[in-house]
């Protein structure tokens, strides 16, 4: 096999490769996979000291065992923390779901003011509609929401159409 056809730094595979340490010079063969992929370092100093040849804009690095994550900016790097943006990674169990046009349970009978949603909305994410009009949350407005319960400041008249869209975990 000629030198031209030899593989340097690894073997061809179908999938993403990330090294376990930073001692290799080029952990992957093709730049399209990025250099290092997702990796962890033990300190902020190690994050800042990742060499230029190992950096690719958009790479994500966990610091302190992955307790916080940083993404490398697509700028001219100055070798400081300013090269990085702290980001929040959401675990799969915390995926945000969007609930659209749910009809809350509760009687619309000229008396009832309390209605229940099937999930607890993320605070401030709810949009409550009465006959297609967006209502305002707050004690001086249309309703207050406690966990998954909507309490109106007035009773709803029969045949009104109540819907709520929101985000939940």
N, C-alpha and C. Protein backbone atom coordinates (compact mmCIF):
# COMPACT_ATOMS: atom_id res chain seq x y z
N UNK A 1 0.85 -1.16 0.00
CA UNK A 1 0.00 0.00 0.00
C UNK A 1 0.90 1.24 0.00
N UNK A 2 0.63 2.18 -0.87
CA UNK A 2 1.44 3.40 -0.92
C UNK A 2 1.09 4.30 0.25
N UNK A 3 2.01 5.25 0.54
CA UNK A 3 1.75 6.20 1.63
C UNK A 3 0.48 6.99 1.38
N UNK A 4 0.18 7.23 0.12
CA UNK A 4 -1.00 8.01 -0.24
C UNK A 4 -2.28 7.32 0.24
N UNK A 5 -2.31 6.01 0.24
CA UNK A 5 -3.51 5.27 0.61
C UNK A 5 -3.54 4.85 2.07
N UNK A 6 -2.48 5.12 2.81
CA UNK A 6 -2.47 4.73 4.22
C UNK A 6 -3.38 5.65 5.03
N UNK A 7 -3.99 5.09 6.03
CA UNK A 7 -4.86 5.85 6.92
C UNK A 7 -4.02 6.33 8.08
N UNK A 8 -4.12 7.62 8.38
CA UNK A 8 -3.36 8.17 9.51
C UNK A 8 -4.32 8.52 10.62
N UNK A 9 -4.05 8.07 11.82
CA UNK A 9 -4.81 8.50 13.00
C UNK A 9 -6.04 7.67 13.31
N UNK A 10 -6.31 6.60 12.58
CA UNK A 10 -7.48 5.81 12.92
C UNK A 10 -7.85 4.87 11.80
N UNK A 11 -9.03 4.31 11.90
CA UNK A 11 -9.53 3.41 10.88
C UNK A 11 -10.84 3.95 10.36
N UNK A 12 -11.16 3.65 9.09
CA UNK A 12 -12.43 4.15 8.56
C UNK A 12 -13.61 3.44 9.23
N UNK A 13 -14.57 4.21 9.69
CA UNK A 13 -15.79 3.66 10.28
C UNK A 13 -16.96 4.50 9.82
N UNK A 14 -18.15 3.98 10.00
CA UNK A 14 -19.34 4.76 9.72
C UNK A 14 -19.88 5.23 11.05
N UNK A 15 -19.62 6.45 11.38
CA UNK A 15 -20.08 6.99 12.65
C UNK A 15 -19.11 8.01 13.17
N UNK A 16 -19.49 8.65 14.27
CA UNK A 16 -18.71 9.73 14.86
C UNK A 16 -17.66 9.15 15.79
N UNK A 17 -16.45 9.66 15.72
CA UNK A 17 -15.36 9.22 16.59
C UNK A 17 -14.92 10.39 17.44
N UNK A 18 -14.72 10.15 18.70
CA UNK A 18 -14.19 11.17 19.60
C UNK A 18 -13.12 10.51 20.46
N UNK A 19 -11.97 11.14 20.61
CA UNK A 19 -10.91 10.52 21.40
C UNK A 19 -11.20 10.59 22.89
N UNK A 20 -10.51 9.75 23.62
CA UNK A 20 -10.67 9.75 25.07
C UNK A 20 -9.72 10.71 25.75
N UNK A 21 -8.74 11.22 25.02
CA UNK A 21 -7.81 12.16 25.64
C UNK A 21 -7.36 13.19 24.61
N UNK A 22 -6.53 14.11 25.03
CA UNK A 22 -6.09 15.20 24.15
C UNK A 22 -4.65 15.02 23.69
N UNK A 23 -4.07 13.84 23.83
CA UNK A 23 -2.67 13.66 23.51
C UNK A 23 -2.42 13.42 22.03
N UNK A 24 -3.44 12.98 21.29
CA UNK A 24 -3.24 12.79 19.86
C UNK A 24 -3.27 14.14 19.15
N UNK A 25 -2.62 14.22 18.00
CA UNK A 25 -2.58 15.48 17.27
C UNK A 25 -3.83 15.67 16.44
N UNK A 26 -4.27 14.63 15.77
CA UNK A 26 -5.47 14.71 14.94
C UNK A 26 -6.36 13.52 15.23
N UNK A 27 -7.37 13.67 16.08
CA UNK A 27 -8.17 12.53 16.49
C UNK A 27 -9.06 11.96 15.40
N UNK A 28 -9.40 12.73 14.41
CA UNK A 28 -10.20 12.22 13.29
C UNK A 28 -9.54 12.63 11.99
N UNK A 29 -9.85 11.92 10.94
CA UNK A 29 -9.19 12.14 9.66
C UNK A 29 -9.81 13.30 8.90
N UNK A 30 -11.12 13.36 8.85
CA UNK A 30 -11.80 14.38 8.06
C UNK A 30 -12.23 15.56 8.93
N UNK A 31 -11.93 16.79 8.50
CA UNK A 31 -12.35 17.97 9.26
C UNK A 31 -13.88 18.07 9.39
N UNK A 32 -14.59 17.43 8.49
CA UNK A 32 -16.03 17.50 8.54
C UNK A 32 -16.59 16.93 9.84
N UNK A 33 -15.85 16.02 10.48
CA UNK A 33 -16.29 15.47 11.76
C UNK A 33 -15.90 16.36 12.93
N UNK A 34 -15.13 17.40 12.67
CA UNK A 34 -14.66 18.26 13.74
C UNK A 34 -13.47 17.65 14.43
N UNK A 35 -12.73 18.43 15.14
CA UNK A 35 -11.60 17.92 15.88
C UNK A 35 -12.04 17.81 17.34
N UNK A 36 -11.98 16.65 17.87
CA UNK A 36 -12.34 16.30 19.24
C UNK A 36 -13.81 15.99 19.44
N UNK A 37 -14.72 16.51 18.66
CA UNK A 37 -16.13 16.26 18.93
C UNK A 37 -16.49 16.78 20.30
N UNK A 38 -17.40 16.12 20.98
CA UNK A 38 -17.77 16.50 22.35
C UNK A 38 -16.75 15.89 23.29
N UNK A 39 -16.14 16.72 24.12
CA UNK A 39 -15.15 16.20 25.06
C UNK A 39 -15.29 16.92 26.38
N UNK A 40 -14.61 16.43 27.38
CA UNK A 40 -14.63 17.02 28.70
C UNK A 40 -13.22 17.39 29.12
N UNK A 41 -13.11 18.48 29.87
CA UNK A 41 -11.85 18.88 30.48
C UNK A 41 -12.12 19.10 31.96
N UNK A 42 -11.04 19.11 32.75
CA UNK A 42 -11.20 19.19 34.19
C UNK A 42 -11.31 20.60 34.75
N UNK A 43 -10.90 21.62 33.96
CA UNK A 43 -10.90 22.97 34.51
C UNK A 43 -11.12 24.01 33.41
N UNK A 44 -11.40 25.22 33.83
CA UNK A 44 -11.57 26.32 32.88
C UNK A 44 -10.24 26.60 32.17
N UNK A 45 -9.13 26.46 32.90
CA UNK A 45 -7.82 26.67 32.28
C UNK A 45 -7.60 25.70 31.12
N UNK A 46 -7.98 24.43 31.30
CA UNK A 46 -7.84 23.46 30.22
C UNK A 46 -8.73 23.81 29.04
N UNK A 47 -9.91 24.35 29.31
CA UNK A 47 -10.81 24.78 28.23
C UNK A 47 -10.14 25.86 27.39
N UNK A 48 -9.63 26.86 28.06
CA UNK A 48 -9.01 28.00 27.38
C UNK A 48 -7.77 27.58 26.63
N UNK A 49 -7.05 26.58 27.14
CA UNK A 49 -5.78 26.15 26.54
C UNK A 49 -5.92 25.13 25.41
N UNK A 50 -7.14 24.78 25.01
CA UNK A 50 -7.28 23.89 23.86
C UNK A 50 -6.65 24.59 22.66
N UNK A 51 -5.69 23.90 22.03
CA UNK A 51 -4.90 24.53 20.96
C UNK A 51 -5.75 24.87 19.74
N UNK A 52 -5.29 25.84 18.98
CA UNK A 52 -5.99 26.32 17.79
C UNK A 52 -6.24 25.19 16.80
N UNK A 53 -5.24 24.32 16.59
CA UNK A 53 -5.44 23.24 15.62
C UNK A 53 -6.46 22.21 16.07
N UNK A 54 -6.79 22.19 17.35
CA UNK A 54 -7.80 21.25 17.85
C UNK A 54 -9.17 21.90 17.92
N UNK A 55 -9.28 23.17 17.61
CA UNK A 55 -10.54 23.90 17.73
C UNK A 55 -11.31 23.91 16.42
N UNK A 56 -12.60 23.85 16.53
CA UNK A 56 -13.52 24.07 15.43
C UNK A 56 -14.69 24.86 16.00
N UNK A 57 -15.07 25.93 15.32
CA UNK A 57 -16.23 26.71 15.77
C UNK A 57 -17.42 25.78 15.92
N UNK A 58 -18.13 25.92 17.04
CA UNK A 58 -19.30 25.10 17.30
C UNK A 58 -19.03 23.87 18.14
N UNK A 59 -17.73 23.55 18.36
CA UNK A 59 -17.44 22.38 19.19
C UNK A 59 -17.94 22.63 20.61
N UNK A 60 -18.34 21.57 21.28
CA UNK A 60 -18.88 21.66 22.63
C UNK A 60 -17.94 20.93 23.58
N UNK A 61 -17.61 21.59 24.68
CA UNK A 61 -16.69 21.02 25.66
C UNK A 61 -17.34 21.10 27.04
N UNK A 62 -17.35 19.97 27.74
CA UNK A 62 -17.83 19.94 29.11
C UNK A 62 -16.68 20.25 30.06
N UNK A 63 -16.96 21.02 31.09
CA UNK A 63 -15.94 21.39 32.09
C UNK A 63 -16.40 20.86 33.44
N UNK A 64 -15.44 20.49 34.28
CA UNK A 64 -15.71 19.95 35.61
C UNK A 64 -16.56 18.69 35.51
N UNK A 65 -16.15 17.76 34.66
CA UNK A 65 -16.87 16.49 34.52
C UNK A 65 -18.21 16.63 33.83
N UNK A 66 -18.38 17.68 33.04
CA UNK A 66 -19.63 17.87 32.32
C UNK A 66 -20.70 18.57 33.14
N UNK A 67 -20.30 19.24 34.23
CA UNK A 67 -21.30 19.96 35.02
C UNK A 67 -21.72 21.26 34.34
N UNK A 68 -20.84 21.83 33.50
CA UNK A 68 -21.21 22.97 32.66
C UNK A 68 -20.60 22.73 31.28
N UNK A 69 -21.22 23.32 30.26
CA UNK A 69 -20.77 23.13 28.88
C UNK A 69 -20.54 24.47 28.21
N UNK A 70 -19.56 24.46 27.30
CA UNK A 70 -19.23 25.65 26.54
C UNK A 70 -19.17 25.31 25.06
N UNK A 71 -19.60 26.26 24.23
CA UNK A 71 -19.56 26.11 22.78
C UNK A 71 -18.59 27.15 22.24
N UNK A 72 -17.68 26.71 21.36
CA UNK A 72 -16.68 27.60 20.79
C UNK A 72 -17.33 28.52 19.78
N UNK A 73 -17.12 29.83 19.95
CA UNK A 73 -17.71 30.82 19.06
C UNK A 73 -17.03 30.79 17.70
N UNK A 74 -17.75 31.26 16.70
CA UNK A 74 -17.23 31.39 15.34
C UNK A 74 -16.72 32.82 15.17
N UNK A 75 -15.62 33.11 15.85
CA UNK A 75 -14.99 34.45 15.84
C UNK A 75 -13.48 34.25 15.75
N UNK A 76 -12.76 35.36 15.65
CA UNK A 76 -11.31 35.26 15.74
C UNK A 76 -10.97 35.07 17.22
N UNK A 77 -10.38 33.94 17.55
CA UNK A 77 -10.14 33.58 18.94
C UNK A 77 -8.99 34.37 19.52
N UNK A 78 -9.14 34.78 20.78
CA UNK A 78 -8.06 35.51 21.45
C UNK A 78 -7.42 34.69 22.57
N UNK A 79 -7.82 33.41 22.69
CA UNK A 79 -7.21 32.53 23.70
C UNK A 79 -7.71 32.78 25.10
N UNK A 80 -8.89 33.36 25.23
CA UNK A 80 -9.45 33.62 26.56
C UNK A 80 -10.84 32.99 26.65
N UNK A 81 -11.48 33.17 27.78
CA UNK A 81 -12.84 32.65 27.97
C UNK A 81 -13.80 33.32 27.00
N UNK A 82 -13.43 34.47 26.45
CA UNK A 82 -14.29 35.18 25.49
C UNK A 82 -14.48 34.39 24.20
N UNK A 83 -13.66 33.37 23.96
CA UNK A 83 -13.80 32.52 22.78
C UNK A 83 -15.00 31.57 22.92
N UNK A 84 -15.54 31.46 24.11
CA UNK A 84 -16.54 30.44 24.42
C UNK A 84 -17.84 31.05 24.94
N UNK A 85 -18.97 30.39 24.62
CA UNK A 85 -20.27 30.72 25.18
C UNK A 85 -20.70 29.58 26.09
N UNK A 86 -21.12 29.90 27.30
CA UNK A 86 -21.67 28.85 28.16
C UNK A 86 -23.04 28.48 27.61
N UNK A 87 -23.31 27.20 27.53
CA UNK A 87 -24.59 26.74 27.01
C UNK A 87 -25.24 25.81 28.01
N UNK A 88 -26.54 25.65 27.88
CA UNK A 88 -27.28 24.74 28.74
C UNK A 88 -27.71 23.56 27.89
N UNK A 89 -27.32 22.38 28.31
CA UNK A 89 -27.75 21.16 27.63
C UNK A 89 -28.90 20.56 28.41
N UNK A 90 -29.93 20.15 27.71
CA UNK A 90 -31.10 19.56 28.33
C UNK A 90 -31.00 18.05 28.21
N UNK A 91 -31.16 17.37 29.32
CA UNK A 91 -31.17 15.92 29.30
C UNK A 91 -32.43 15.43 28.61
N UNK A 92 -32.35 14.26 28.03
CA UNK A 92 -33.47 13.71 27.29
C UNK A 92 -34.74 13.66 28.13
N UNK A 93 -34.61 13.37 29.42
CA UNK A 93 -35.79 13.29 30.27
C UNK A 93 -36.46 14.65 30.44
N UNK A 94 -35.73 15.73 30.15
CA UNK A 94 -36.27 17.07 30.31
C UNK A 94 -36.66 17.71 28.99
N UNK A 95 -37.00 16.91 28.00
CA UNK A 95 -37.39 17.46 26.71
C UNK A 95 -38.69 18.24 26.88
N UNK A 96 -38.71 19.42 26.32
CA UNK A 96 -39.89 20.27 26.42
C UNK A 96 -40.91 19.85 25.36
N UNK A 97 -42.13 19.66 25.80
CA UNK A 97 -43.23 19.32 24.89
C UNK A 97 -44.12 20.53 24.71
N UNK A 98 -44.69 20.65 23.53
CA UNK A 98 -45.63 21.74 23.24
C UNK A 98 -47.04 21.16 23.20
N UNK A 99 -47.89 21.70 24.02
CA UNK A 99 -49.30 21.30 24.06
C UNK A 99 -50.08 22.43 23.40
N UNK A 100 -50.81 22.10 22.34
CA UNK A 100 -51.55 23.12 21.60
C UNK A 100 -53.05 22.91 21.69
N UNK A 101 -53.74 23.99 21.97
CA UNK A 101 -55.21 24.04 21.94
C UNK A 101 -55.88 23.00 22.84
N UNK A 102 -55.29 22.77 24.01
CA UNK A 102 -55.93 21.86 24.97
C UNK A 102 -57.18 22.52 25.52
N UNK A 103 -58.23 21.73 25.69
CA UNK A 103 -59.45 22.22 26.31
C UNK A 103 -59.38 21.85 27.79
N UNK A 104 -59.20 22.83 28.67
CA UNK A 104 -59.09 22.53 30.10
C UNK A 104 -60.39 21.91 30.62
N UNK A 105 -60.27 21.04 31.64
CA UNK A 105 -61.46 20.44 32.22
C UNK A 105 -62.07 21.38 33.24
N UNK A 106 -63.37 21.38 33.31
CA UNK A 106 -64.12 22.24 34.23
C UNK A 106 -65.40 22.70 33.55
N UNK A 107 -66.42 22.92 34.37
CA UNK A 107 -67.72 23.32 33.83
C UNK A 107 -67.72 24.79 33.44
N UNK A 108 -68.25 25.05 32.26
CA UNK A 108 -68.51 26.44 31.83
C UNK A 108 -70.01 26.63 32.03
N UNK A 109 -70.37 27.19 33.20
CA UNK A 109 -71.77 27.18 33.64
C UNK A 109 -72.24 28.48 34.29
N UNK A 110 -71.60 29.58 34.01
CA UNK A 110 -71.94 30.88 34.60
C UNK A 110 -71.55 30.99 36.07
N UNK A 111 -70.94 29.93 36.66
CA UNK A 111 -70.58 29.95 38.08
C UNK A 111 -69.11 29.59 38.27
N UNK A 112 -68.65 28.51 37.64
CA UNK A 112 -67.31 27.97 37.85
C UNK A 112 -66.22 28.94 37.38
N UNK A 113 -65.16 29.02 38.16
CA UNK A 113 -64.00 29.85 37.79
C UNK A 113 -62.70 29.03 37.74
N UNK A 114 -62.77 27.73 38.03
CA UNK A 114 -61.58 26.89 38.15
C UNK A 114 -61.56 25.83 37.04
N UNK A 115 -60.41 25.76 36.35
CA UNK A 115 -60.25 24.80 35.25
C UNK A 115 -58.88 24.15 35.38
N UNK A 116 -58.79 22.89 34.94
CA UNK A 116 -57.56 22.11 35.12
C UNK A 116 -56.98 21.69 33.78
N UNK A 117 -55.65 21.81 33.68
CA UNK A 117 -54.91 21.34 32.51
C UNK A 117 -54.38 19.95 32.79
N UNK A 118 -54.08 19.19 31.74
CA UNK A 118 -53.58 17.83 31.93
C UNK A 118 -52.11 17.80 32.36
N UNK A 119 -51.38 18.90 32.18
CA UNK A 119 -49.96 19.00 32.57
C UNK A 119 -49.73 20.35 33.24
N UNK A 120 -48.61 20.47 33.94
CA UNK A 120 -48.23 21.75 34.53
C UNK A 120 -47.39 22.53 33.52
N UNK A 121 -47.84 23.71 33.10
CA UNK A 121 -47.07 24.49 32.13
C UNK A 121 -45.78 25.04 32.73
N UNK A 122 -44.77 25.19 31.90
CA UNK A 122 -43.58 25.93 32.30
C UNK A 122 -44.05 27.36 32.56
N UNK A 123 -43.58 27.93 33.65
CA UNK A 123 -44.05 29.25 34.07
C UNK A 123 -43.94 30.28 32.94
N UNK A 124 -45.05 30.95 32.68
CA UNK A 124 -45.08 32.00 31.67
C UNK A 124 -45.24 31.51 30.23
N UNK A 125 -45.34 30.20 30.03
CA UNK A 125 -45.44 29.68 28.66
C UNK A 125 -46.88 29.53 28.18
N UNK A 126 -47.84 29.65 29.10
CA UNK A 126 -49.22 29.38 28.72
C UNK A 126 -49.83 30.55 27.94
N UNK A 127 -50.70 30.17 27.01
CA UNK A 127 -51.51 31.12 26.26
C UNK A 127 -52.95 30.63 26.39
N UNK A 128 -53.75 31.38 27.14
CA UNK A 128 -55.13 31.00 27.39
C UNK A 128 -56.03 31.82 26.47
N UNK A 129 -56.92 31.13 25.75
CA UNK A 129 -57.80 31.78 24.79
C UNK A 129 -59.25 31.55 25.19
N UNK A 130 -60.05 32.60 25.18
CA UNK A 130 -61.48 32.51 25.42
C UNK A 130 -62.17 33.04 24.18
N UNK A 131 -62.92 32.17 23.52
CA UNK A 131 -63.56 32.49 22.24
C UNK A 131 -62.55 33.05 21.23
N UNK A 132 -61.34 32.49 21.25
CA UNK A 132 -60.31 32.87 20.29
C UNK A 132 -59.49 34.08 20.67
N UNK A 133 -59.82 34.76 21.77
CA UNK A 133 -59.08 35.95 22.21
C UNK A 133 -58.06 35.56 23.27
N UNK A 134 -56.83 36.04 23.12
CA UNK A 134 -55.77 35.77 24.09
C UNK A 134 -56.04 36.55 25.36
N UNK A 135 -56.03 35.84 26.49
CA UNK A 135 -56.27 36.46 27.79
C UNK A 135 -54.96 36.80 28.48
N UNK A 136 -55.03 37.64 29.50
CA UNK A 136 -53.85 38.09 30.25
C UNK A 136 -53.81 37.43 31.62
N UNK A 137 -52.61 36.96 32.00
CA UNK A 137 -52.38 36.35 33.29
C UNK A 137 -52.11 37.44 34.33
N UNK A 138 -52.60 37.24 35.54
CA UNK A 138 -52.30 38.17 36.64
C UNK A 138 -53.54 38.48 37.46
N UNK A 139 -53.31 38.86 38.72
CA UNK A 139 -54.43 39.11 39.63
C UNK A 139 -55.31 40.26 39.15
N UNK A 140 -54.76 41.22 38.44
CA UNK A 140 -55.55 42.35 37.93
C UNK A 140 -56.04 42.11 36.50
N UNK A 141 -55.80 40.93 35.97
CA UNK A 141 -56.20 40.62 34.60
C UNK A 141 -57.25 39.52 34.59
N UNK A 142 -57.16 38.59 33.65
CA UNK A 142 -58.21 37.59 33.44
C UNK A 142 -58.10 36.36 34.34
N UNK A 143 -56.90 35.88 34.61
CA UNK A 143 -56.75 34.62 35.33
C UNK A 143 -55.40 34.59 36.05
N UNK A 144 -55.30 33.61 36.95
CA UNK A 144 -54.04 33.26 37.61
C UNK A 144 -53.88 31.76 37.41
N UNK A 145 -52.64 31.31 37.22
CA UNK A 145 -52.41 29.88 37.05
C UNK A 145 -51.55 29.39 38.20
N UNK A 146 -51.97 28.29 38.85
CA UNK A 146 -51.25 27.63 39.93
C UNK A 146 -50.98 26.21 39.47
N UNK A 147 -49.72 25.87 39.26
CA UNK A 147 -49.35 24.56 38.74
C UNK A 147 -50.17 24.26 37.49
N UNK A 148 -51.10 23.30 37.54
CA UNK A 148 -51.89 22.99 36.34
C UNK A 148 -53.34 23.47 36.45
N UNK A 149 -53.61 24.41 37.35
CA UNK A 149 -54.96 24.91 37.58
C UNK A 149 -55.06 26.38 37.17
N UNK A 150 -56.05 26.68 36.34
CA UNK A 150 -56.33 28.06 35.93
C UNK A 150 -57.51 28.55 36.75
N UNK A 151 -57.33 29.68 37.44
CA UNK A 151 -58.41 30.29 38.22
C UNK A 151 -58.73 31.63 37.59
N UNK A 152 -59.95 31.76 37.06
CA UNK A 152 -60.37 33.01 36.42
C UNK A 152 -60.84 34.01 37.46
N UNK A 153 -60.72 35.27 37.13
CA UNK A 153 -61.19 36.35 38.01
C UNK A 153 -62.68 36.61 37.80
N UNK A 154 -63.32 35.80 36.98
CA UNK A 154 -64.75 35.89 36.68
C UNK A 154 -65.22 34.53 36.21
N UNK A 155 -66.52 34.30 36.28
CA UNK A 155 -67.06 33.02 35.79
C UNK A 155 -67.22 33.10 34.27
N UNK A 156 -67.16 31.92 33.66
CA UNK A 156 -67.32 31.85 32.21
C UNK A 156 -68.77 31.53 31.88
N UNK A 157 -69.25 32.17 30.85
CA UNK A 157 -70.64 32.02 30.44
C UNK A 157 -70.78 30.77 29.58
N UNK A 158 -71.92 30.07 29.72
CA UNK A 158 -72.18 28.86 28.94
C UNK A 158 -71.92 29.12 27.46
N UNK A 159 -71.43 28.07 26.80
CA UNK A 159 -71.12 28.07 25.36
C UNK A 159 -69.87 28.85 24.99
N UNK A 160 -69.12 29.36 25.97
CA UNK A 160 -67.84 29.99 25.66
C UNK A 160 -66.84 28.88 25.32
N UNK A 161 -65.87 29.21 24.50
CA UNK A 161 -64.86 28.25 24.04
C UNK A 161 -63.54 28.57 24.72
N UNK A 162 -63.06 27.69 25.59
CA UNK A 162 -61.83 27.88 26.34
C UNK A 162 -60.76 26.91 25.84
N UNK A 163 -59.58 27.44 25.47
CA UNK A 163 -58.45 26.61 25.04
C UNK A 163 -57.16 27.18 25.62
N UNK A 164 -56.15 26.29 25.77
CA UNK A 164 -54.88 26.72 26.30
C UNK A 164 -53.76 25.99 25.56
N UNK A 165 -52.75 26.75 25.15
CA UNK A 165 -51.54 26.20 24.58
C UNK A 165 -50.40 26.53 25.54
N UNK A 166 -49.47 25.60 25.70
CA UNK A 166 -48.38 25.82 26.66
C UNK A 166 -47.24 24.84 26.40
N UNK A 167 -46.14 25.08 27.10
CA UNK A 167 -44.99 24.16 27.06
C UNK A 167 -44.88 23.48 28.42
N UNK A 168 -44.46 22.21 28.39
CA UNK A 168 -44.32 21.45 29.62
C UNK A 168 -43.13 20.53 29.51
N UNK A 169 -42.63 20.06 30.62
CA UNK A 169 -41.51 19.11 30.63
C UNK A 169 -42.06 17.72 30.79
